[in-house]
Amino acid sequence: MFVTASGNIQTLGQQAAGIFAQSVGGGGGNGGSSSSTTTGGQAAVTFALGGLGGTGATGDTVTVISGSTASTSYINTLGAGAAGIFAQSVGGGGSSGGSSTVSATAPGTQSSSGSTTTASTGTVSGSASGTSTSSSAGQSGGNGASQAGSNGSSSNTGGNAVAMAIGGSAGGGGTGGAVSVTN
């Protein structure tokens, strides 16, 4: 962005900048979510993977030139919090990773189950009992993904149930561009 101003500028309102020049990079797109449910006879296995979020774009260069000498132009702001020249370049924000949810159930005579839930901490947690296993892994970033996994019942002589959920990772934020002001 390139702004050239000549002549006189006067503003009266609160936070009414004389020159406001800003470039903002677009935010990253959100990752897709996924869900999976399985109910099996002897074995039930299910897996869900959330999508990757996009990276935010870079803010462009902002250049403001106001007059060539002090006698050729002026900027006068009379309102509270009003900047004479406001020039800013902002990188786009990161995105949300995709969420995932799974559920697996296999019949059996003894009951055991495990469940995990994580948010955007990147923590891996789970529990195991008998032949039933549940696992969940979150990725951190812009806004991390959320996941949930749960198992139904299983037994040592009956079926096996396995559920796994992996949330997609969030996209990174963009960078701000160069800012130059000549007054």
N, C-alpha and C. Protein backbone atom coordinates (compact mmCIF):
# COMPACT_ATOMS: atom_id res chain seq x y z
N MET A 1 0.85 -1.16 0.00
CA MET A 1 0.00 0.00 0.00
C MET A 1 0.90 1.23 0.00
N PHE A 2 0.58 2.17 -0.85
CA PHE A 2 1.36 3.40 -0.96
C PHE A 2 0.39 4.58 -0.91
N VAL A 3 0.56 5.48 0.09
CA VAL A 3 -0.32 6.64 0.25
C VAL A 3 0.53 7.90 0.17
N THR A 4 0.13 8.82 -0.70
CA THR A 4 0.77 10.13 -0.80
C THR A 4 -0.28 11.19 -0.52
N ALA A 5 0.00 12.08 0.44
CA ALA A 5 -0.95 13.14 0.79
C ALA A 5 -0.27 14.49 0.66
N SER A 6 -0.96 15.44 0.06
CA SER A 6 -0.46 16.82 0.00
C SER A 6 -1.62 17.73 0.34
N GLY A 7 -1.34 18.90 0.80
CA GLY A 7 -2.40 19.79 1.24
C GLY A 7 -2.61 19.66 2.74
N ASN A 8 -3.74 20.17 3.20
CA ASN A 8 -4.02 20.20 4.63
C ASN A 8 -5.13 19.21 4.98
N ILE A 9 -4.97 18.57 6.16
CA ILE A 9 -5.97 17.63 6.66
C ILE A 9 -6.29 18.02 8.09
N GLN A 10 -7.60 18.10 8.40
CA GLN A 10 -8.03 18.38 9.77
C GLN A 10 -9.18 17.44 10.11
N THR A 11 -9.13 16.84 11.31
CA THR A 11 -10.22 16.00 11.80
C THR A 11 -10.67 16.50 13.16
N LEU A 12 -11.95 16.27 13.48
CA LEU A 12 -12.51 16.75 14.74
C LEU A 12 -12.97 15.63 15.67
N GLY A 13 -13.27 14.48 15.17
CA GLY A 13 -13.86 13.40 15.96
C GLY A 13 -12.87 12.63 16.81
N GLN A 14 -13.43 11.93 17.81
CA GLN A 14 -12.63 11.08 18.68
C GLN A 14 -12.05 9.94 17.86
N GLN A 15 -10.75 9.68 17.99
CA GLN A 15 -10.00 8.64 17.29
C GLN A 15 -10.11 8.77 15.76
N ALA A 16 -10.32 9.98 15.27
CA ALA A 16 -10.40 10.23 13.83
C ALA A 16 -9.01 10.57 13.32
N ALA A 17 -8.34 9.59 12.73
CA ALA A 17 -6.98 9.78 12.23
C ALA A 17 -6.98 10.69 11.01
N GLY A 18 -5.91 11.46 10.87
CA GLY A 18 -5.75 12.28 9.66
C GLY A 18 -5.53 11.39 8.45
N ILE A 19 -4.62 10.45 8.54
CA ILE A 19 -4.38 9.44 7.50
C ILE A 19 -4.38 8.08 8.18
N PHE A 20 -5.20 7.16 7.67
CA PHE A 20 -5.28 5.81 8.21
C PHE A 20 -4.92 4.86 7.07
N ALA A 21 -3.74 4.24 7.15
CA ALA A 21 -3.28 3.32 6.10
C ALA A 21 -2.99 1.98 6.75
N GLN A 22 -3.66 0.93 6.27
CA GLN A 22 -3.54 -0.37 6.92
C GLN A 22 -3.60 -1.48 5.87
N SER A 23 -2.74 -2.47 6.04
CA SER A 23 -2.76 -3.67 5.21
C SER A 23 -2.88 -4.87 6.14
N VAL A 24 -3.88 -5.73 5.89
CA VAL A 24 -4.12 -6.89 6.75
C VAL A 24 -4.13 -8.14 5.89
N GLY A 25 -3.27 -9.09 6.22
CA GLY A 25 -3.27 -10.38 5.51
C GLY A 25 -4.48 -11.20 5.91
N GLY A 26 -4.99 -11.98 5.00
CA GLY A 26 -6.16 -12.83 5.26
C GLY A 26 -5.84 -13.94 6.25
N GLY A 27 -6.84 -14.33 7.01
CA GLY A 27 -6.69 -15.42 7.97
C GLY A 27 -6.69 -16.77 7.30
N GLY A 28 -6.08 -17.73 7.95
CA GLY A 28 -6.05 -19.09 7.41
C GLY A 28 -7.41 -19.76 7.50
N GLY A 29 -7.67 -20.68 6.61
CA GLY A 29 -8.94 -21.42 6.61
C GLY A 29 -8.94 -22.52 7.65
N ASN A 30 -10.10 -22.82 8.18
CA ASN A 30 -10.21 -23.85 9.21
C ASN A 30 -10.10 -25.25 8.62
N GLY A 31 -9.50 -26.15 9.37
CA GLY A 31 -9.41 -27.55 8.96
C GLY A 31 -10.75 -28.24 9.09
N GLY A 32 -10.98 -29.24 8.28
CA GLY A 32 -12.24 -29.98 8.31
C GLY A 32 -12.32 -30.91 9.49
N SER A 33 -13.54 -31.20 9.93
CA SER A 33 -13.73 -32.12 11.05
C SER A 33 -14.13 -33.49 10.52
N SER A 34 -13.96 -34.50 11.36
CA SER A 34 -14.34 -35.86 10.97
C SER A 34 -14.94 -36.59 12.15
N SER A 35 -15.77 -37.58 11.85
CA SER A 35 -16.42 -38.37 12.88
C SER A 35 -16.55 -39.80 12.40
N SER A 36 -16.39 -40.75 13.31
CA SER A 36 -16.47 -42.16 12.94
C SER A 36 -17.05 -42.96 14.09
N THR A 37 -17.97 -43.87 13.79
CA THR A 37 -18.57 -44.76 14.79
C THR A 37 -18.57 -46.17 14.25
N THR A 38 -18.17 -47.13 15.07
CA THR A 38 -18.14 -48.54 14.67
C THR A 38 -18.72 -49.40 15.78
N THR A 39 -19.57 -50.34 15.40
CA THR A 39 -20.05 -51.37 16.31
C THR A 39 -19.77 -52.70 15.65
N GLY A 40 -18.97 -53.55 16.30
CA GLY A 40 -18.54 -54.79 15.66
C GLY A 40 -18.94 -56.02 16.43
N GLY A 41 -18.76 -57.18 15.78
CA GLY A 41 -19.03 -58.46 16.42
C GLY A 41 -17.89 -58.84 17.34
N GLN A 42 -16.82 -59.38 16.79
CA GLN A 42 -15.67 -59.78 17.59
C GLN A 42 -14.69 -58.63 17.77
N ALA A 43 -14.65 -57.70 16.83
CA ALA A 43 -13.70 -56.58 16.94
C ALA A 43 -14.33 -55.34 16.34
N ALA A 44 -14.07 -54.22 16.95
CA ALA A 44 -14.53 -52.93 16.43
C ALA A 44 -13.35 -51.98 16.45
N VAL A 45 -12.99 -51.46 15.30
CA VAL A 45 -11.88 -50.52 15.18
C VAL A 45 -12.36 -49.31 14.40
N THR A 46 -12.08 -48.13 14.90
CA THR A 46 -12.47 -46.91 14.19
C THR A 46 -11.38 -45.87 14.34
N PHE A 47 -11.29 -44.99 13.36
CA PHE A 47 -10.23 -43.98 13.31
C PHE A 47 -10.80 -42.72 12.68
N ALA A 48 -10.48 -41.56 13.23
CA ALA A 48 -10.91 -40.29 12.64
C ALA A 48 -9.75 -39.31 12.69
N LEU A 49 -9.55 -38.58 11.62
CA LEU A 49 -8.46 -37.61 11.51
C LEU A 49 -9.01 -36.28 11.03
N GLY A 50 -8.87 -35.23 11.86
CA GLY A 50 -9.32 -33.90 11.47
C GLY A 50 -8.35 -33.26 10.49
N GLY A 51 -8.84 -32.32 9.70
CA GLY A 51 -8.03 -31.67 8.66
C GLY A 51 -7.11 -30.60 9.20
N LEU A 52 -6.09 -30.27 8.43
CA LEU A 52 -5.10 -29.25 8.76
C LEU A 52 -5.66 -27.86 8.44
N GLY A 53 -5.50 -26.93 9.37
CA GLY A 53 -5.91 -25.55 9.13
C GLY A 53 -4.89 -24.82 8.28
N GLY A 54 -5.33 -23.82 7.55
CA GLY A 54 -4.45 -23.05 6.67
C GLY A 54 -3.67 -21.97 7.39
N THR A 55 -2.60 -21.53 6.78
CA THR A 55 -1.73 -20.49 7.33
C THR A 55 -2.25 -19.10 6.94
N GLY A 56 -2.17 -18.17 7.86
CA GLY A 56 -2.57 -16.79 7.58
C GLY A 56 -1.61 -16.13 6.60
N ALA A 57 -2.13 -15.19 5.82
CA ALA A 57 -1.33 -14.49 4.81
C ALA A 57 -0.52 -13.35 5.43
N THR A 58 0.45 -12.89 4.70
CA THR A 58 1.32 -11.80 5.12
C THR A 58 0.69 -10.45 4.83
N GLY A 59 0.79 -9.52 5.78
CA GLY A 59 0.37 -8.15 5.52
C GLY A 59 1.36 -7.48 4.59
N ASP A 60 0.89 -6.63 3.70
CA ASP A 60 1.75 -6.00 2.70
C ASP A 60 2.48 -4.79 3.28
N THR A 61 3.44 -4.28 2.53
CA THR A 61 4.18 -3.08 2.92
C THR A 61 3.25 -1.87 2.90
N VAL A 62 3.36 -1.01 3.91
CA VAL A 62 2.57 0.22 3.99
C VAL A 62 3.53 1.40 3.97
N THR A 63 3.35 2.31 3.01
CA THR A 63 4.18 3.52 2.90
C THR A 63 3.26 4.73 2.86
N VAL A 64 3.54 5.72 3.72
CA VAL A 64 2.76 6.96 3.75
C VAL A 64 3.71 8.12 3.58
N ILE A 65 3.44 8.98 2.61
CA ILE A 65 4.22 10.21 2.41
C ILE A 65 3.24 11.37 2.49
N SER A 66 3.50 12.28 3.42
CA SER A 66 2.62 13.42 3.62
C SER A 66 3.42 14.69 3.40
N GLY A 67 3.22 15.34 2.24
CA GLY A 67 3.89 16.59 1.93
C GLY A 67 5.39 16.44 1.77
N SER A 68 5.99 17.36 1.06
CA SER A 68 7.43 17.30 0.85
C SER A 68 8.19 18.17 1.85
N THR A 69 7.55 19.20 2.39
CA THR A 69 8.17 20.03 3.43
C THR A 69 7.11 20.41 4.44
N ALA A 70 7.53 20.88 5.59
CA ALA A 70 6.59 21.24 6.65
C ALA A 70 5.69 22.39 6.24
N SER A 71 6.14 23.26 5.34
CA SER A 71 5.35 24.42 4.94
C SER A 71 4.32 24.10 3.87
N THR A 72 4.42 22.93 3.20
CA THR A 72 3.49 22.64 2.11
C THR A 72 2.22 21.94 2.57
N SER A 73 2.22 21.30 3.72
CA SER A 73 1.01 20.63 4.19
C SER A 73 1.06 20.45 5.69
N TYR A 74 -0.13 20.24 6.27
CA TYR A 74 -0.17 19.92 7.69
C TYR A 74 -1.34 18.97 7.94
N ILE A 75 -1.22 18.23 9.06
CA ILE A 75 -2.29 17.36 9.52
C ILE A 75 -2.62 17.80 10.93
N ASN A 76 -3.89 18.14 11.16
CA ASN A 76 -4.33 18.64 12.46
C ASN A 76 -5.50 17.77 12.95
N THR A 77 -5.30 17.07 14.06
CA THR A 77 -6.37 16.24 14.63
C THR A 77 -6.75 16.82 15.98
N LEU A 78 -8.04 17.09 16.17
CA LEU A 78 -8.51 17.74 17.39
C LEU A 78 -9.25 16.80 18.34
N GLY A 79 -9.59 15.62 17.91
CA GLY A 79 -10.33 14.67 18.75
C GLY A 79 -9.42 13.87 19.66
N ALA A 80 -10.00 13.37 20.74
CA ALA A 80 -9.24 12.54 21.69
C ALA A 80 -8.80 11.25 21.02
N GLY A 81 -7.54 10.87 21.22
CA GLY A 81 -7.03 9.62 20.68
C GLY A 81 -6.89 9.58 19.18
N ALA A 82 -6.88 10.74 18.54
CA ALA A 82 -6.80 10.80 17.08
C ALA A 82 -5.35 10.94 16.65
N ALA A 83 -4.86 9.97 15.88
CA ALA A 83 -3.49 10.01 15.38
C ALA A 83 -3.43 10.86 14.13
N GLY A 84 -2.34 11.58 13.96
CA GLY A 84 -2.14 12.33 12.72
C GLY A 84 -1.99 11.38 11.55
N ILE A 85 -1.10 10.42 11.69
CA ILE A 85 -0.91 9.37 10.67
C ILE A 85 -0.91 8.03 11.39
N PHE A 86 -1.79 7.14 10.96
CA PHE A 86 -1.83 5.79 11.49
C PHE A 86 -1.49 4.86 10.35
N ALA A 87 -0.33 4.19 10.43
CA ALA A 87 0.10 3.25 9.39
C ALA A 87 0.39 1.92 10.06
N GLN A 88 -0.19 0.83 9.50
CA GLN A 88 -0.06 -0.47 10.15
C GLN A 88 -0.12 -1.58 9.12
N SER A 89 0.69 -2.61 9.34
CA SER A 89 0.65 -3.83 8.53
C SER A 89 0.48 -5.00 9.49
N VAL A 90 -0.54 -5.83 9.24
CA VAL A 90 -0.88 -6.91 10.16
C VAL A 90 -0.92 -8.22 9.39
N GLY A 91 -0.22 -9.20 9.90
CA GLY A 91 -0.30 -10.54 9.31
C GLY A 91 -1.60 -11.22 9.67
N GLY A 92 -2.11 -12.07 8.80
CA GLY A 92 -3.36 -12.78 9.04
C GLY A 92 -3.23 -13.77 10.17
N GLY A 93 -4.31 -13.98 10.88
CA GLY A 93 -4.32 -14.90 12.00
C GLY A 93 -4.28 -16.35 11.57
N GLY A 94 -3.82 -17.19 12.46
CA GLY A 94 -3.83 -18.62 12.21
C GLY A 94 -5.24 -19.16 12.20
N SER A 95 -5.39 -20.42 11.94
CA SER A 95 -6.71 -21.00 11.81
C SER A 95 -6.93 -22.11 12.82
N SER A 96 -8.13 -22.61 12.84
CA SER A 96 -8.46 -23.72 13.72
C SER A 96 -8.18 -25.04 13.03
N GLY A 97 -7.62 -25.97 13.76
CA GLY A 97 -7.46 -27.32 13.24
C GLY A 97 -8.79 -28.04 13.24
N GLY A 98 -8.90 -29.07 12.45
CA GLY A 98 -10.15 -29.83 12.37
C GLY A 98 -10.35 -30.72 13.60
N SER A 99 -11.60 -30.88 14.01
CA SER A 99 -11.90 -31.73 15.15
C SER A 99 -12.23 -33.14 14.69
N SER A 100 -12.11 -34.08 15.59
CA SER A 100 -12.45 -35.46 15.26
C SER A 100 -13.11 -36.13 16.45
N THR A 101 -14.06 -37.01 16.16
CA THR A 101 -14.77 -37.76 17.19
C THR A 101 -14.91 -39.20 16.74
N VAL A 102 -14.62 -40.14 17.63
CA VAL A 102 -14.74 -41.56 17.29
C VAL A 102 -15.44 -42.31 18.41
N SER A 103 -16.03 -43.45 18.05
CA SER A 103 -16.63 -44.35 19.03
C SER A 103 -16.56 -45.76 18.49
N ALA A 104 -16.09 -46.71 19.32
CA ALA A 104 -16.00 -48.11 18.90
C ALA A 104 -16.61 -48.98 19.98
N THR A 105 -17.40 -49.98 19.59
CA THR A 105 -18.04 -50.87 20.54
C THR A 105 -17.95 -52.30 20.04
N ALA A 106 -17.55 -53.22 20.93
CA ALA A 106 -17.56 -54.65 20.63
C ALA A 106 -18.22 -55.36 21.80
N PRO A 107 -19.06 -56.37 21.54
CA PRO A 107 -19.78 -57.02 22.64
C PRO A 107 -18.85 -57.86 23.50
N GLY A 108 -19.22 -58.07 24.75
CA GLY A 108 -18.45 -58.89 25.67
C GLY A 108 -19.20 -59.07 26.96
N THR A 109 -18.70 -59.91 27.83
CA THR A 109 -19.39 -60.17 29.10
C THR A 109 -18.84 -59.33 30.24
N GLN A 110 -17.60 -58.92 30.15
CA GLN A 110 -17.03 -58.07 31.18
C GLN A 110 -16.98 -56.65 30.63
N SER A 111 -17.22 -55.69 31.47
CA SER A 111 -17.26 -54.31 31.03
C SER A 111 -15.96 -53.60 31.36
N SER A 112 -15.38 -52.97 30.36
CA SER A 112 -14.23 -52.09 30.59
C SER A 112 -14.28 -51.02 29.53
N SER A 113 -13.92 -49.83 29.88
CA SER A 113 -13.97 -48.76 28.90
C SER A 113 -12.92 -47.73 29.21
N GLY A 114 -12.60 -46.92 28.22
CA GLY A 114 -11.66 -45.82 28.39
C GLY A 114 -12.14 -44.67 27.55
N SER A 115 -11.89 -43.47 27.99
CA SER A 115 -12.24 -42.32 27.16
C SER A 115 -11.22 -41.23 27.39
N THR A 116 -10.97 -40.45 26.38
CA THR A 116 -10.05 -39.34 26.49
C THR A 116 -10.64 -38.15 25.78
N THR A 117 -10.30 -36.97 26.27
CA THR A 117 -10.67 -35.73 25.60
C THR A 117 -9.51 -34.77 25.79
N THR A 118 -9.05 -34.16 24.71
CA THR A 118 -8.01 -33.15 24.82
C THR A 118 -8.43 -31.93 24.04
N ALA A 119 -7.92 -30.79 24.43
CA ALA A 119 -8.15 -29.56 23.67
C ALA A 119 -6.87 -29.21 22.95
N SER A 120 -6.53 -27.95 22.86
CA SER A 120 -5.39 -27.55 22.04
C SER A 120 -4.09 -27.49 22.83
N THR A 121 -3.88 -28.47 23.70
CA THR A 121 -2.68 -28.44 24.54
C THR A 121 -1.55 -29.29 24.00
N GLY A 122 -1.82 -30.14 23.04
CA GLY A 122 -0.80 -31.03 22.54
C GLY A 122 -0.53 -32.20 23.48
N THR A 123 -1.33 -32.36 24.51
CA THR A 123 -1.15 -33.42 25.49
C THR A 123 -1.69 -34.73 24.94
N VAL A 124 -0.99 -35.81 25.22
CA VAL A 124 -1.47 -37.14 24.87
C VAL A 124 -1.90 -37.82 26.15
N SER A 125 -3.15 -38.31 26.18
CA SER A 125 -3.62 -39.01 27.36
C SER A 125 -4.47 -40.18 26.93
N GLY A 126 -4.59 -41.17 27.79
CA GLY A 126 -5.41 -42.32 27.45
C GLY A 126 -5.49 -43.25 28.64
N SER A 127 -6.33 -44.26 28.51
CA SER A 127 -6.43 -45.27 29.55
C SER A 127 -6.60 -46.62 28.89
N ALA A 128 -6.15 -47.67 29.57
CA ALA A 128 -6.26 -49.01 29.02
C ALA A 128 -6.73 -49.95 30.11
N SER A 129 -7.63 -50.85 29.77
CA SER A 129 -8.14 -51.84 30.72
C SER A 129 -8.50 -53.08 29.92
N GLY A 130 -7.92 -54.21 30.25
CA GLY A 130 -8.21 -55.43 29.50
C GLY A 130 -7.75 -55.29 28.07
N THR A 131 -8.64 -55.55 27.13
CA THR A 131 -8.29 -55.45 25.71
C THR A 131 -8.86 -54.20 25.08
N SER A 132 -9.33 -53.25 25.88
CA SER A 132 -9.93 -52.03 25.37
C SER A 132 -8.93 -50.89 25.48
N THR A 133 -8.70 -50.16 24.38
CA THR A 133 -7.73 -49.07 24.38
C THR A 133 -8.34 -47.84 23.72
N SER A 134 -8.09 -46.67 24.30
CA SER A 134 -8.54 -45.42 23.72
C SER A 134 -7.38 -44.45 23.71
N SER A 135 -7.19 -43.73 22.61
CA SER A 135 -6.06 -42.82 22.49
C SER A 135 -6.52 -41.53 21.83
N SER A 136 -5.95 -40.39 22.25
CA SER A 136 -6.28 -39.11 21.66
C SER A 136 -5.05 -38.22 21.69
N ALA A 137 -4.77 -37.52 20.57
CA ALA A 137 -3.61 -36.63 20.50
C ALA A 137 -4.04 -35.31 19.88
N GLY A 138 -3.76 -34.20 20.55
CA GLY A 138 -4.10 -32.89 20.02
C GLY A 138 -2.87 -32.16 19.53
N GLN A 139 -3.03 -31.33 18.52
CA GLN A 139 -1.94 -30.52 17.98
C GLN A 139 -2.19 -29.07 18.35
N SER A 140 -1.16 -28.38 18.80
CA SER A 140 -1.34 -26.98 19.14
C SER A 140 -1.00 -26.10 17.96
N GLY A 141 -1.46 -24.88 18.00
CA GLY A 141 -1.23 -23.93 16.91
C GLY A 141 -2.15 -22.76 17.06
N GLY A 142 -2.60 -22.19 15.95
CA GLY A 142 -3.53 -21.06 15.99
C GLY A 142 -4.64 -21.32 16.99
N ASN A 143 -5.55 -22.16 16.67
CA ASN A 143 -6.51 -22.74 17.60
C ASN A 143 -6.41 -24.23 17.38
N GLY A 144 -5.96 -24.95 18.37
CA GLY A 144 -5.74 -26.38 18.21
C GLY A 144 -7.02 -27.14 17.98
N ALA A 145 -6.88 -28.34 17.53
CA ALA A 145 -8.03 -29.18 17.24
C ALA A 145 -8.58 -29.78 18.53
N SER A 146 -9.80 -30.23 18.48
CA SER A 146 -10.34 -30.98 19.60
C SER A 146 -10.67 -32.38 19.14
N GLN A 147 -10.52 -33.32 20.05
CA GLN A 147 -10.75 -34.72 19.73
C GLN A 147 -11.48 -35.37 20.88
N ALA A 148 -12.20 -36.44 20.59
CA ALA A 148 -12.81 -37.26 21.63
C ALA A 148 -12.82 -38.69 21.15
N GLY A 149 -12.42 -39.60 22.01
CA GLY A 149 -12.45 -41.02 21.65
C GLY A 149 -13.09 -41.80 22.77
N SER A 150 -13.90 -42.79 22.44
CA SER A 150 -14.49 -43.62 23.48
C SER A 150 -14.64 -45.05 23.00
N ASN A 151 -14.56 -45.97 23.96
CA ASN A 151 -14.72 -47.39 23.68
C ASN A 151 -15.95 -47.89 24.41
N GLY A 152 -16.63 -48.82 23.81
CA GLY A 152 -17.70 -49.53 24.49
C GLY A 152 -17.12 -50.68 25.27
N SER A 153 -17.92 -51.70 25.53
CA SER A 153 -17.46 -52.80 26.36
C SER A 153 -16.70 -53.83 25.54
N SER A 154 -15.82 -54.55 26.22
CA SER A 154 -15.10 -55.66 25.62
C SER A 154 -14.70 -56.61 26.74
N SER A 155 -14.35 -57.83 26.40
CA SER A 155 -13.92 -58.78 27.42
C SER A 155 -12.74 -59.57 26.91
N ASN A 156 -12.10 -60.29 27.82
CA ASN A 156 -10.96 -61.10 27.42
C ASN A 156 -11.38 -62.26 26.52
N THR A 157 -12.63 -62.70 26.64
CA THR A 157 -13.11 -63.81 25.81
C THR A 157 -14.03 -63.32 24.70
N GLY A 158 -14.49 -62.08 24.78
CA GLY A 158 -15.42 -61.54 23.79
C GLY A 158 -14.69 -60.78 22.71
N GLY A 159 -15.13 -59.57 22.43
CA GLY A 159 -14.55 -58.78 21.34
C GLY A 159 -13.55 -57.76 21.83
N ASN A 160 -12.91 -57.10 20.89
CA ASN A 160 -11.95 -56.04 21.16
C ASN A 160 -12.48 -54.74 20.57
N ALA A 161 -12.31 -53.65 21.29
CA ALA A 161 -12.75 -52.35 20.79
C ALA A 161 -11.57 -51.38 20.85
N VAL A 162 -11.30 -50.71 19.75
CA VAL A 162 -10.22 -49.73 19.69
C VAL A 162 -10.77 -48.47 19.03
N ALA A 163 -10.55 -47.32 19.65
CA ALA A 163 -10.98 -46.04 19.08
C ALA A 163 -9.81 -45.08 19.11
N MET A 164 -9.58 -44.36 18.04
CA MET A 164 -8.48 -43.40 17.98
C MET A 164 -8.94 -42.13 17.28
N ALA A 165 -8.68 -40.98 17.89
CA ALA A 165 -9.04 -39.69 17.31
C ALA A 165 -7.81 -38.81 17.27
N ILE A 166 -7.55 -38.21 16.12
CA ILE A 166 -6.43 -37.28 15.99
C ILE A 166 -6.97 -36.01 15.35
N GLY A 167 -6.90 -34.92 16.08
CA GLY A 167 -7.36 -33.64 15.55
C GLY A 167 -6.32 -33.05 14.62
N GLY A 168 -6.77 -32.33 13.63
CA GLY A 168 -5.85 -31.69 12.69
C GLY A 168 -5.12 -30.53 13.34
N SER A 169 -3.93 -30.24 12.86
CA SER A 169 -3.15 -29.15 13.45
C SER A 169 -3.62 -27.81 12.90
N ALA A 170 -3.45 -26.79 13.72
CA ALA A 170 -3.86 -25.44 13.35
C ALA A 170 -2.82 -24.80 12.46
N GLY A 171 -3.25 -23.88 11.63
CA GLY A 171 -2.33 -23.15 10.76
C GLY A 171 -1.64 -22.02 11.49
N GLY A 172 -0.48 -21.64 11.03
CA GLY A 172 0.28 -20.55 11.64
C GLY A 172 -0.22 -19.19 11.19
N GLY A 173 0.09 -18.18 11.95
CA GLY A 173 -0.27 -16.82 11.58
C GLY A 173 0.68 -16.25 10.55
N GLY A 174 0.21 -15.26 9.82
CA GLY A 174 1.05 -14.59 8.83
C GLY A 174 1.94 -13.54 9.46
N THR A 175 2.79 -12.93 8.68
CA THR A 175 3.69 -11.89 9.18
C THR A 175 3.25 -10.52 8.69
N GLY A 176 3.56 -9.51 9.47
CA GLY A 176 3.28 -8.14 9.06
C GLY A 176 4.35 -7.65 8.11
N GLY A 177 3.97 -6.76 7.22
CA GLY A 177 4.93 -6.21 6.26
C GLY A 177 5.62 -4.97 6.80
N ALA A 178 6.50 -4.40 6.02
CA ALA A 178 7.25 -3.19 6.42
C ALA A 178 6.33 -1.98 6.42
N VAL A 179 6.58 -1.03 7.33
CA VAL A 179 5.81 0.20 7.42
C VAL A 179 6.77 1.37 7.34
N SER A 180 6.48 2.33 6.47
CA SER A 180 7.33 3.50 6.30
C SER A 180 6.47 4.76 6.26
N VAL A 181 6.83 5.77 7.06
CA VAL A 181 6.09 7.03 7.08
C VAL A 181 7.08 8.17 6.88
N THR A 182 6.78 9.04 5.91
CA THR A 182 7.57 10.25 5.69
C THR A 182 6.63 11.43 5.82
N ASN A 183 6.95 12.35 6.73
CA ASN A 183 6.08 13.50 6.94
C ASN A 183 6.91 14.76 6.90
